[in-house]
């Protein structure tokens, strides 16, 4: 038996059957960009507006050279404070250096995470901390990270992505506005009556 196509049985002059319409495709959804860093810090990690010895220098790739945080001038034994409320996710030693890491509350998934070192921890993993609460003291470092001076390395991550920790600081903490008194409940400070009058 010989098989023939259906076109051979169509009456002469009939147009060929139209080709099926292509199925529309949905363009791929671009990956969601990481949300911006909220300025939720209520304290510097050390001191009051300490000098920045070395700024954040984001690496071009995950394996490139860079500076994944900022170095703040300080002295061994200085108190190290949580810049915002959160939960201690690590307190221990990495490559001989004391490190404290705090997951910041209410900062999304994955949460923002601050790191501090070299620090002799006074907290343990799982501890809840408030903004400004001490998490340890600066250790004397022997790795010359800051040269002859002593410093605290302060880092910020979301997942495995490094971010600029200074972006956590609101303008009044960076010294870009008038000084504010910090309420005991940790709420953002309200403008003073003097600053309100000066706006009118």
N, C-alpha and C. Protein backbone atom coordinates (compact mmCIF):
# COMPACT_ATOMS: atom_id res chain seq x y z
N UNK A 1 0.86 -1.17 0.00
CA UNK A 1 0.00 0.00 0.00
C UNK A 1 0.89 1.22 0.00
N UNK A 2 0.50 2.19 -0.87
CA UNK A 2 1.28 3.42 -0.98
C UNK A 2 0.63 4.50 -0.16
N UNK A 3 1.43 5.15 0.70
CA UNK A 3 0.91 6.25 1.50
C UNK A 3 1.07 7.53 0.73
N UNK A 4 0.02 8.36 0.75
CA UNK A 4 0.08 9.65 0.08
C UNK A 4 -0.27 10.72 1.09
N UNK A 5 0.17 11.94 0.83
CA UNK A 5 -0.14 13.04 1.73
C UNK A 5 -1.58 13.46 1.55
N UNK A 6 -2.09 14.14 2.58
CA UNK A 6 -3.48 14.60 2.50
C UNK A 6 -3.66 15.61 1.39
N UNK A 7 -2.55 16.32 1.00
CA UNK A 7 -2.67 17.32 -0.06
C UNK A 7 -3.06 16.68 -1.37
N UNK A 8 -2.72 15.40 -1.57
CA UNK A 8 -3.03 14.73 -2.83
C UNK A 8 -4.52 14.50 -2.96
N UNK A 9 -5.26 14.43 -1.86
CA UNK A 9 -6.70 14.18 -1.89
C UNK A 9 -7.51 15.45 -1.89
N UNK A 10 -6.85 16.66 -1.77
CA UNK A 10 -7.60 17.92 -1.75
C UNK A 10 -8.08 18.25 -3.15
N UNK A 11 -9.28 18.81 -3.26
CA UNK A 11 -9.76 19.21 -4.59
C UNK A 11 -8.81 20.24 -5.21
N UNK A 12 -8.74 20.18 -6.53
CA UNK A 12 -7.85 21.09 -7.23
C UNK A 12 -8.28 22.52 -6.99
N UNK A 13 -7.31 23.42 -6.80
CA UNK A 13 -7.59 24.84 -6.62
C UNK A 13 -7.77 25.25 -5.17
N UNK A 14 -7.94 24.29 -4.22
CA UNK A 14 -8.06 24.68 -2.81
C UNK A 14 -6.70 25.17 -2.31
N UNK A 15 -6.70 26.27 -1.54
CA UNK A 15 -5.41 26.74 -1.00
C UNK A 15 -4.91 25.77 0.06
N UNK A 16 -3.61 25.69 0.22
CA UNK A 16 -3.07 24.79 1.25
C UNK A 16 -3.48 25.27 2.64
N UNK A 17 -3.57 24.32 3.54
CA UNK A 17 -3.96 24.66 4.91
C UNK A 17 -2.94 25.61 5.50
N UNK A 18 -3.40 26.65 6.22
CA UNK A 18 -2.45 27.61 6.80
C UNK A 18 -1.58 26.95 7.86
N UNK A 19 -0.36 27.42 7.95
CA UNK A 19 0.56 26.90 8.97
C UNK A 19 0.08 27.34 10.34
N UNK A 20 0.27 26.50 11.34
CA UNK A 20 -0.19 26.89 12.68
C UNK A 20 0.54 28.14 13.14
N UNK A 21 -0.20 29.02 13.83
CA UNK A 21 0.40 30.27 14.33
C UNK A 21 1.42 29.95 15.41
N UNK A 22 2.53 30.69 15.40
CA UNK A 22 3.54 30.42 16.44
C UNK A 22 2.99 30.74 17.82
N UNK A 23 3.37 29.90 18.76
CA UNK A 23 2.93 30.10 20.14
C UNK A 23 3.69 31.26 20.74
N UNK A 24 2.97 32.28 21.24
CA UNK A 24 3.70 33.42 21.82
C UNK A 24 4.51 32.97 23.03
N UNK A 25 5.68 33.51 23.15
CA UNK A 25 6.53 33.17 24.28
C UNK A 25 6.62 34.38 25.21
N UNK A 26 6.68 34.11 26.50
CA UNK A 26 6.82 35.17 27.50
C UNK A 26 8.29 35.46 27.69
N UNK A 27 8.70 36.73 27.53
CA UNK A 27 10.11 37.03 27.74
C UNK A 27 10.53 36.71 29.16
N UNK A 28 11.78 36.27 29.33
CA UNK A 28 12.21 35.92 30.69
C UNK A 28 12.17 37.14 31.60
N UNK A 29 11.78 36.88 32.82
CA UNK A 29 11.72 37.95 33.81
C UNK A 29 13.13 38.28 34.27
N UNK A 30 13.53 39.55 34.18
CA UNK A 30 14.88 39.88 34.64
C UNK A 30 15.01 39.62 36.12
N UNK A 31 16.20 39.26 36.58
CA UNK A 31 16.37 39.02 38.01
C UNK A 31 16.08 40.27 38.82
N UNK A 32 15.48 40.07 39.96
CA UNK A 32 15.13 41.21 40.81
C UNK A 32 16.40 41.82 41.37
N UNK A 33 16.50 43.10 41.26
CA UNK A 33 17.69 43.76 41.78
C UNK A 33 17.61 43.84 43.30
N UNK A 34 18.78 43.83 43.93
CA UNK A 34 18.82 43.90 45.39
C UNK A 34 18.28 45.24 45.85
N UNK A 35 17.42 45.23 46.86
CA UNK A 35 16.89 46.51 47.35
C UNK A 35 18.01 47.36 47.90
N UNK A 36 17.79 48.66 47.90
CA UNK A 36 18.81 49.56 48.41
C UNK A 36 18.99 49.35 49.90
N UNK A 37 20.13 49.78 50.39
CA UNK A 37 20.43 49.61 51.81
C UNK A 37 19.70 50.69 52.60
N UNK A 38 18.85 50.31 53.56
CA UNK A 38 18.17 51.33 54.35
C UNK A 38 19.13 51.95 55.36
N UNK A 39 19.00 53.24 55.58
CA UNK A 39 19.87 53.95 56.52
C UNK A 39 19.33 53.77 57.94
N UNK A 40 19.50 52.56 58.48
CA UNK A 40 18.89 52.22 59.76
C UNK A 40 19.87 52.25 60.92
N UNK A 41 21.13 52.56 60.67
CA UNK A 41 22.10 52.58 61.76
C UNK A 41 21.74 53.68 62.77
N UNK A 42 21.97 53.42 64.04
CA UNK A 42 21.71 54.38 65.10
C UNK A 42 22.98 54.67 65.90
N UNK A 43 24.11 54.11 65.46
CA UNK A 43 25.38 54.35 66.13
C UNK A 43 26.50 53.93 65.20
N UNK A 44 27.68 54.54 65.35
CA UNK A 44 28.88 54.05 64.70
C UNK A 44 29.34 52.80 65.44
N UNK A 45 30.07 51.91 64.78
CA UNK A 45 30.57 50.73 65.49
C UNK A 45 31.55 51.08 66.61
N UNK A 46 32.36 52.13 66.37
CA UNK A 46 33.31 52.59 67.40
C UNK A 46 33.31 54.11 67.41
N UNK A 47 33.46 54.67 68.60
CA UNK A 47 33.60 56.11 68.72
C UNK A 47 32.41 56.89 68.18
N UNK A 48 32.67 58.16 67.92
CA UNK A 48 31.68 59.06 67.35
C UNK A 48 32.29 59.67 66.09
N UNK A 49 31.78 59.28 64.93
CA UNK A 49 32.34 59.70 63.64
C UNK A 49 33.85 59.47 63.58
N UNK A 50 34.28 58.23 63.74
CA UNK A 50 35.71 57.94 63.70
C UNK A 50 36.27 58.16 62.30
N UNK A 51 37.56 58.49 62.18
CA UNK A 51 38.16 58.64 60.85
C UNK A 51 38.10 57.32 60.08
N UNK A 52 37.78 57.43 58.80
CA UNK A 52 37.80 56.26 57.92
C UNK A 52 39.21 56.11 57.38
N UNK A 53 39.90 55.08 57.83
CA UNK A 53 41.29 54.85 57.40
C UNK A 53 41.33 54.36 55.96
N UNK A 54 40.39 53.51 55.62
CA UNK A 54 40.30 53.00 54.24
C UNK A 54 38.84 52.80 53.89
N UNK A 55 38.44 53.29 52.72
CA UNK A 55 37.05 53.22 52.29
C UNK A 55 36.73 51.88 51.63
N UNK A 56 35.44 51.69 51.38
CA UNK A 56 34.96 50.51 50.66
C UNK A 56 35.37 50.61 49.21
N UNK A 57 35.98 49.56 48.70
CA UNK A 57 36.41 49.50 47.30
C UNK A 57 35.87 48.22 46.70
N UNK A 58 34.68 48.28 46.07
CA UNK A 58 34.06 47.05 45.58
C UNK A 58 34.92 46.39 44.51
N UNK A 59 35.13 45.08 44.61
CA UNK A 59 35.91 44.38 43.58
C UNK A 59 35.13 44.28 42.28
N UNK A 60 35.85 44.25 41.16
CA UNK A 60 35.19 44.15 39.86
C UNK A 60 34.48 42.81 39.71
N UNK A 61 35.03 41.74 40.25
CA UNK A 61 34.42 40.41 40.23
C UNK A 61 34.54 39.81 41.63
N UNK A 62 33.92 38.66 41.81
CA UNK A 62 33.97 38.02 43.12
C UNK A 62 35.39 37.65 43.53
N UNK A 63 36.27 37.52 42.54
CA UNK A 63 37.64 37.07 42.84
C UNK A 63 38.66 38.20 42.65
N UNK A 64 38.20 39.41 42.36
CA UNK A 64 39.12 40.52 42.14
C UNK A 64 39.56 41.13 43.47
N UNK A 65 40.66 41.89 43.38
CA UNK A 65 41.12 42.61 44.56
C UNK A 65 40.16 43.76 44.85
N UNK A 66 40.06 44.11 46.10
CA UNK A 66 39.20 45.21 46.52
C UNK A 66 39.27 45.32 48.03
N UNK A 67 38.41 46.15 48.57
CA UNK A 67 38.32 46.28 50.03
C UNK A 67 36.86 46.13 50.39
N UNK A 68 36.51 44.99 50.95
CA UNK A 68 35.12 44.61 51.16
C UNK A 68 34.62 45.09 52.52
N UNK A 69 34.70 46.40 52.72
CA UNK A 69 34.27 47.02 53.96
C UNK A 69 34.97 48.35 54.14
N UNK A 70 34.91 48.88 55.35
CA UNK A 70 35.64 50.11 55.67
C UNK A 70 36.44 49.87 56.93
N UNK A 71 37.58 50.56 57.04
CA UNK A 71 38.41 50.49 58.24
C UNK A 71 38.25 51.80 59.02
N UNK A 72 37.90 51.68 60.29
CA UNK A 72 37.67 52.83 61.14
C UNK A 72 38.80 52.92 62.18
N UNK A 73 39.40 54.10 62.29
CA UNK A 73 40.48 54.30 63.25
C UNK A 73 39.93 54.15 64.67
N UNK A 74 40.65 53.42 65.49
CA UNK A 74 40.25 53.21 66.88
C UNK A 74 41.46 52.75 67.66
N UNK A 75 41.26 52.29 68.88
CA UNK A 75 42.35 51.81 69.71
C UNK A 75 41.98 50.45 70.29
N UNK A 76 42.96 49.59 70.51
CA UNK A 76 42.67 48.31 71.15
C UNK A 76 41.93 48.51 72.46
N UNK A 77 40.93 47.69 72.71
CA UNK A 77 40.13 47.80 73.92
C UNK A 77 38.90 48.66 73.77
N UNK A 78 38.77 49.38 72.65
CA UNK A 78 37.59 50.22 72.44
C UNK A 78 36.35 49.35 72.30
N UNK A 79 35.22 49.86 72.83
CA UNK A 79 33.96 49.13 72.69
C UNK A 79 33.53 49.08 71.24
N UNK A 80 33.02 47.93 70.82
CA UNK A 80 32.44 47.76 69.48
C UNK A 80 30.95 47.58 69.68
N UNK A 81 30.16 48.40 68.98
CA UNK A 81 28.72 48.39 69.17
C UNK A 81 28.00 47.95 67.90
N UNK A 82 26.85 47.29 68.09
CA UNK A 82 25.97 46.97 66.96
C UNK A 82 25.40 48.27 66.42
N UNK A 83 25.48 48.47 65.11
CA UNK A 83 24.99 49.73 64.56
C UNK A 83 23.47 49.78 64.48
N UNK A 84 22.82 48.60 64.50
CA UNK A 84 21.36 48.52 64.44
C UNK A 84 20.94 47.24 65.13
N UNK A 85 19.65 47.14 65.42
CA UNK A 85 19.14 45.97 66.11
C UNK A 85 19.22 44.73 65.24
N UNK A 86 19.45 43.59 65.87
CA UNK A 86 19.51 42.35 65.12
C UNK A 86 19.85 41.16 66.00
N UNK A 87 20.32 40.11 65.35
CA UNK A 87 20.65 38.86 66.04
C UNK A 87 22.07 38.46 65.66
N UNK A 88 22.85 38.07 66.65
CA UNK A 88 24.23 37.64 66.40
C UNK A 88 24.21 36.32 65.63
N UNK A 89 24.79 36.33 64.44
CA UNK A 89 24.83 35.10 63.62
C UNK A 89 26.17 34.39 63.71
N UNK A 90 27.20 35.11 64.20
CA UNK A 90 28.51 34.47 64.39
C UNK A 90 29.29 35.27 65.40
N UNK A 91 29.98 34.57 66.28
CA UNK A 91 30.90 35.20 67.23
C UNK A 91 32.01 34.19 67.49
N UNK A 92 33.15 34.43 66.89
CA UNK A 92 34.24 33.46 67.01
C UNK A 92 35.47 33.95 66.29
N UNK A 93 36.32 33.01 65.90
CA UNK A 93 37.58 33.37 65.27
C UNK A 93 37.63 32.80 63.86
N UNK A 94 38.13 33.63 62.94
CA UNK A 94 38.33 33.24 61.55
C UNK A 94 39.76 33.60 61.19
N UNK A 95 40.55 32.60 60.84
CA UNK A 95 41.96 32.82 60.51
C UNK A 95 42.69 33.58 61.61
N UNK A 96 42.37 33.26 62.85
CA UNK A 96 43.04 33.87 63.98
C UNK A 96 42.49 35.21 64.42
N UNK A 97 41.51 35.75 63.70
CA UNK A 97 40.93 37.05 64.05
C UNK A 97 39.56 36.86 64.67
N UNK A 98 39.28 37.63 65.74
CA UNK A 98 37.96 37.59 66.33
C UNK A 98 36.97 38.34 65.46
N UNK A 99 35.85 37.69 65.15
CA UNK A 99 34.83 38.27 64.27
C UNK A 99 33.46 38.16 64.95
N UNK A 100 32.68 39.23 64.86
CA UNK A 100 31.29 39.22 65.27
C UNK A 100 30.45 39.62 64.07
N UNK A 101 29.40 38.87 63.81
CA UNK A 101 28.49 39.16 62.70
C UNK A 101 27.07 39.26 63.24
N UNK A 102 26.34 40.27 62.77
CA UNK A 102 24.97 40.51 63.26
C UNK A 102 24.03 40.62 62.07
N UNK A 103 22.98 39.79 62.05
CA UNK A 103 21.92 39.91 61.05
C UNK A 103 20.97 41.01 61.50
N UNK A 104 20.76 41.99 60.64
CA UNK A 104 19.96 43.16 61.01
C UNK A 104 18.46 42.88 60.83
N UNK A 105 17.69 43.21 61.84
CA UNK A 105 16.27 42.91 61.84
C UNK A 105 15.53 43.74 60.78
N UNK A 106 14.53 43.10 60.14
CA UNK A 106 13.65 43.81 59.22
C UNK A 106 14.31 44.31 57.96
N UNK A 107 15.35 43.60 57.47
CA UNK A 107 16.06 44.07 56.28
C UNK A 107 15.90 43.14 55.08
N UNK A 108 14.85 42.32 55.08
CA UNK A 108 14.55 41.51 53.89
C UNK A 108 15.17 40.13 53.94
N UNK A 109 15.04 39.43 52.80
CA UNK A 109 15.57 38.08 52.66
C UNK A 109 16.45 37.99 51.43
N UNK A 110 17.72 37.60 51.60
CA UNK A 110 18.38 37.38 52.88
C UNK A 110 18.60 38.70 53.60
N UNK A 111 18.70 38.66 54.91
CA UNK A 111 18.86 39.91 55.66
C UNK A 111 20.24 40.51 55.47
N UNK A 112 20.32 41.81 55.69
CA UNK A 112 21.62 42.45 55.73
C UNK A 112 22.39 41.92 56.94
N UNK A 113 23.70 41.82 56.78
CA UNK A 113 24.55 41.28 57.84
C UNK A 113 25.78 42.15 58.00
N UNK A 114 26.01 42.65 59.21
CA UNK A 114 27.21 43.44 59.47
C UNK A 114 28.26 42.55 60.11
N UNK A 115 29.54 42.86 59.82
CA UNK A 115 30.63 42.12 60.42
C UNK A 115 31.61 43.11 61.03
N UNK A 116 32.24 42.69 62.12
CA UNK A 116 33.19 43.53 62.85
C UNK A 116 34.41 42.69 63.23
N UNK A 117 35.60 43.24 63.01
CA UNK A 117 36.81 42.53 63.40
C UNK A 117 38.02 43.44 63.32
N UNK A 118 39.09 43.17 64.05
CA UNK A 118 39.21 42.07 65.03
C UNK A 118 38.55 42.45 66.35
N UNK A 119 37.72 41.56 66.86
CA UNK A 119 36.91 41.85 68.05
C UNK A 119 36.99 40.69 69.03
N UNK A 120 37.18 41.03 70.30
CA UNK A 120 37.00 40.04 71.36
C UNK A 120 35.53 40.08 71.74
N UNK A 121 34.77 39.06 71.35
CA UNK A 121 33.32 39.09 71.47
C UNK A 121 32.86 39.03 72.92
N UNK A 122 31.81 39.78 73.20
CA UNK A 122 31.13 39.70 74.50
C UNK A 122 29.72 39.14 74.32
N UNK A 123 29.40 38.69 73.11
CA UNK A 123 28.10 38.11 72.79
C UNK A 123 28.32 36.71 72.22
N UNK A 124 27.22 35.97 72.12
CA UNK A 124 27.29 34.63 71.54
C UNK A 124 26.29 34.51 70.40
N UNK A 125 26.50 33.54 69.54
CA UNK A 125 25.58 33.29 68.43
C UNK A 125 24.16 33.11 68.97
N UNK A 126 23.21 33.81 68.35
CA UNK A 126 21.81 33.73 68.75
C UNK A 126 21.37 34.86 69.66
N UNK A 127 22.31 35.61 70.23
CA UNK A 127 21.94 36.73 71.10
C UNK A 127 21.24 37.82 70.29
N UNK A 128 20.20 38.40 70.87
CA UNK A 128 19.55 39.57 70.28
C UNK A 128 20.24 40.81 70.81
N UNK A 129 20.53 41.75 69.91
CA UNK A 129 21.21 42.98 70.33
C UNK A 129 20.40 44.18 69.84
N UNK A 130 20.53 45.27 70.56
CA UNK A 130 19.86 46.51 70.18
C UNK A 130 20.88 47.45 69.57
N UNK A 131 20.39 48.48 68.91
CA UNK A 131 21.29 49.47 68.32
C UNK A 131 22.12 50.13 69.41
N UNK A 132 23.42 50.17 69.21
CA UNK A 132 24.31 50.78 70.18
C UNK A 132 24.80 49.86 71.26
N UNK A 133 24.28 48.64 71.32
CA UNK A 133 24.70 47.69 72.36
C UNK A 133 26.09 47.14 72.04
N UNK A 134 26.93 47.01 73.07
CA UNK A 134 28.28 46.50 72.89
C UNK A 134 28.24 45.02 72.51
N UNK A 135 29.04 44.66 71.51
CA UNK A 135 29.16 43.25 71.11
C UNK A 135 30.57 42.72 71.38
N UNK A 136 31.48 43.60 71.84
CA UNK A 136 32.84 43.18 72.14
C UNK A 136 33.76 44.37 72.22
N UNK A 137 35.06 44.10 72.21
CA UNK A 137 36.07 45.14 72.23
C UNK A 137 37.09 44.89 71.12
N UNK A 138 37.70 45.96 70.66
CA UNK A 138 38.68 45.86 69.58
C UNK A 138 39.92 45.13 70.10
N UNK A 139 40.36 44.13 69.34
CA UNK A 139 41.58 43.40 69.67
C UNK A 139 42.77 44.05 68.98
N UNK A 140 43.91 43.96 69.59
CA UNK A 140 45.15 44.38 68.93
C UNK A 140 45.45 43.38 67.83
N UNK A 141 45.62 43.88 66.60
CA UNK A 141 45.87 43.00 65.46
C UNK A 141 47.36 42.96 65.17
N UNK A 142 47.84 41.79 64.76
CA UNK A 142 49.25 41.66 64.41
C UNK A 142 49.44 41.36 62.93
N UNK A 143 48.38 41.61 62.14
CA UNK A 143 48.48 41.31 60.70
C UNK A 143 48.72 42.55 59.86
N UNK A 144 48.95 43.70 60.50
CA UNK A 144 49.26 44.95 59.81
C UNK A 144 48.17 45.35 58.81
N UNK A 145 46.92 45.00 59.08
CA UNK A 145 45.84 45.36 58.16
C UNK A 145 45.73 46.87 58.03
N UNK A 146 45.92 47.58 59.13
CA UNK A 146 45.85 49.04 59.09
C UNK A 146 47.23 49.67 59.27
N UNK A 147 48.28 48.94 58.98
CA UNK A 147 49.61 49.49 59.16
C UNK A 147 49.92 49.59 60.64
N UNK A 148 50.68 50.61 61.04
CA UNK A 148 51.04 50.74 62.46
C UNK A 148 49.87 51.15 63.34
N UNK A 149 48.81 51.71 62.74
CA UNK A 149 47.65 52.14 63.53
C UNK A 149 46.73 50.96 63.80
N UNK A 150 45.82 51.16 64.74
CA UNK A 150 44.80 50.15 65.04
C UNK A 150 43.50 50.57 64.38
N UNK A 151 42.74 49.60 63.93
CA UNK A 151 41.47 49.93 63.28
C UNK A 151 40.48 48.80 63.48
N UNK A 152 39.23 49.12 63.20
CA UNK A 152 38.16 48.12 63.16
C UNK A 152 37.72 47.98 61.72
N UNK A 153 37.69 46.75 61.22
CA UNK A 153 37.16 46.51 59.88
C UNK A 153 35.66 46.22 60.02
N UNK A 154 34.85 47.04 59.33
CA UNK A 154 33.39 46.95 59.39
C UNK A 154 32.89 46.58 58.01
N UNK A 155 32.17 45.46 57.93
CA UNK A 155 31.66 45.00 56.65
C UNK A 155 30.14 44.91 56.63
N UNK A 156 29.59 44.83 55.42
CA UNK A 156 28.14 44.69 55.23
C UNK A 156 27.90 43.78 54.05
N UNK A 157 27.04 42.79 54.25
CA UNK A 157 26.70 41.85 53.18
C UNK A 157 25.20 41.64 53.12
N UNK A 158 24.73 41.30 51.91
CA UNK A 158 23.40 40.71 51.74
C UNK A 158 23.62 39.42 50.99
N UNK A 159 23.42 38.30 51.67
CA UNK A 159 23.80 37.02 51.10
C UNK A 159 25.32 36.97 50.98
N UNK A 160 25.81 36.79 49.75
CA UNK A 160 27.26 36.78 49.52
C UNK A 160 27.74 38.08 48.87
N UNK A 161 26.83 39.03 48.67
CA UNK A 161 27.19 40.29 48.02
C UNK A 161 27.65 41.31 49.05
N UNK A 162 28.84 41.85 48.84
CA UNK A 162 29.38 42.88 49.74
C UNK A 162 28.82 44.24 49.35
N UNK A 163 28.49 45.04 50.37
CA UNK A 163 27.93 46.38 50.18
C UNK A 163 28.72 47.37 51.02
N UNK A 164 28.49 48.64 50.77
CA UNK A 164 29.19 49.69 51.51
C UNK A 164 28.52 49.89 52.87
N UNK A 165 29.20 49.57 53.98
CA UNK A 165 28.55 49.71 55.29
C UNK A 165 28.21 51.15 55.65
N UNK A 166 28.92 52.13 55.07
CA UNK A 166 28.59 53.52 55.38
C UNK A 166 27.20 53.90 54.88
N UNK A 167 26.65 53.12 53.94
CA UNK A 167 25.31 53.41 53.45
C UNK A 167 24.24 53.13 54.50
N UNK A 168 24.60 52.44 55.59
CA UNK A 168 23.66 52.22 56.68
C UNK A 168 23.47 53.47 57.52
N UNK A 169 24.40 54.42 57.43
CA UNK A 169 24.38 55.59 58.31
C UNK A 169 23.51 56.69 57.73
N UNK A 170 22.55 57.20 58.51
CA UNK A 170 21.76 58.35 58.05
C UNK A 170 22.62 59.61 58.06
N UNK A 171 22.18 60.67 57.38
CA UNK A 171 22.99 61.88 57.29
C UNK A 171 23.40 62.46 58.63
N UNK A 172 22.50 62.39 59.64
CA UNK A 172 22.84 63.00 60.93
C UNK A 172 23.97 62.25 61.63
N UNK A 173 24.17 60.95 61.31
CA UNK A 173 25.29 60.21 61.88
C UNK A 173 26.57 60.43 61.07
N UNK A 174 26.41 60.69 59.79
CA UNK A 174 27.57 60.96 58.94
C UNK A 174 28.11 62.37 59.15
N UNK A 175 27.37 63.19 59.89
CA UNK A 175 27.82 64.56 60.11
C UNK A 175 27.38 65.49 59.01
N UNK A 176 26.35 65.10 58.24
CA UNK A 176 25.87 65.93 57.14
C UNK A 176 24.70 66.80 57.55
N UNK A 177 24.31 66.73 58.81
CA UNK A 177 23.20 67.55 59.28
C UNK A 177 23.44 67.94 60.72
N UNK A 178 22.52 68.70 61.33
CA UNK A 178 22.70 69.11 62.72
C UNK A 178 22.70 67.91 63.64
N UNK A 179 23.39 67.98 64.78
CA UNK A 179 23.41 66.85 65.72
C UNK A 179 22.04 66.57 66.27
N UNK A 180 21.79 65.31 66.58
CA UNK A 180 20.50 64.89 67.12
C UNK A 180 20.73 64.09 68.39
N UNK A 181 19.81 64.22 69.35
CA UNK A 181 19.83 63.36 70.51
C UNK A 181 19.09 62.08 70.17
N UNK A 182 19.68 60.94 70.51
CA UNK A 182 19.08 59.64 70.20
C UNK A 182 18.13 59.23 71.31
N UNK A 183 16.83 59.02 70.99
CA UNK A 183 15.88 58.58 72.03
C UNK A 183 16.30 57.22 72.59
N UNK A 184 15.90 56.97 73.83
CA UNK A 184 16.26 55.71 74.48
C UNK A 184 15.62 54.52 73.79
N UNK A 185 14.47 54.71 73.12
CA UNK A 185 13.80 53.59 72.48
C UNK A 185 14.38 53.27 71.11
N UNK A 186 15.40 54.01 70.67
CA UNK A 186 16.04 53.72 69.40
C UNK A 186 15.30 54.26 68.20
N UNK A 187 14.20 54.99 68.41
CA UNK A 187 13.44 55.56 67.29
C UNK A 187 14.24 56.67 66.64
N UNK A 188 14.01 56.91 65.35
CA UNK A 188 14.72 58.00 64.68
C UNK A 188 14.46 59.32 65.39
N UNK A 189 15.47 60.15 65.56
CA UNK A 189 15.28 61.43 66.24
C UNK A 189 14.38 62.36 65.45
N UNK A 190 13.61 63.16 66.17
CA UNK A 190 12.70 64.12 65.54
C UNK A 190 13.40 65.47 65.41
N UNK A 191 13.05 66.26 64.40
CA UNK A 191 13.65 67.59 64.27
C UNK A 191 13.38 68.43 65.50
N UNK A 192 14.36 69.22 65.89
CA UNK A 192 14.20 70.09 67.04
C UNK A 192 13.27 71.25 66.69
N UNK A 193 12.74 71.93 67.72
CA UNK A 193 11.87 73.08 67.47
C UNK A 193 12.64 74.17 66.74
N UNK A 194 13.94 74.30 67.05
CA UNK A 194 14.74 75.32 66.38
C UNK A 194 14.81 75.05 64.88
N UNK A 195 15.05 73.77 64.51
CA UNK A 195 15.15 73.47 63.08
C UNK A 195 13.82 73.60 62.39
N UNK A 196 12.71 73.33 63.14
CA UNK A 196 11.38 73.48 62.54
C UNK A 196 11.10 74.95 62.27
N UNK A 197 11.47 75.83 63.25
CA UNK A 197 11.24 77.26 63.04
C UNK A 197 12.06 77.81 61.89
N UNK A 198 13.28 77.27 61.71
CA UNK A 198 14.15 77.80 60.68
C UNK A 198 13.67 77.44 59.29
N UNK A 199 12.71 76.47 59.19
CA UNK A 199 12.18 76.10 57.90
C UNK A 199 11.04 76.99 57.46
N UNK A 200 10.54 77.83 58.37
CA UNK A 200 9.38 78.68 58.05
C UNK A 200 9.84 80.09 57.73
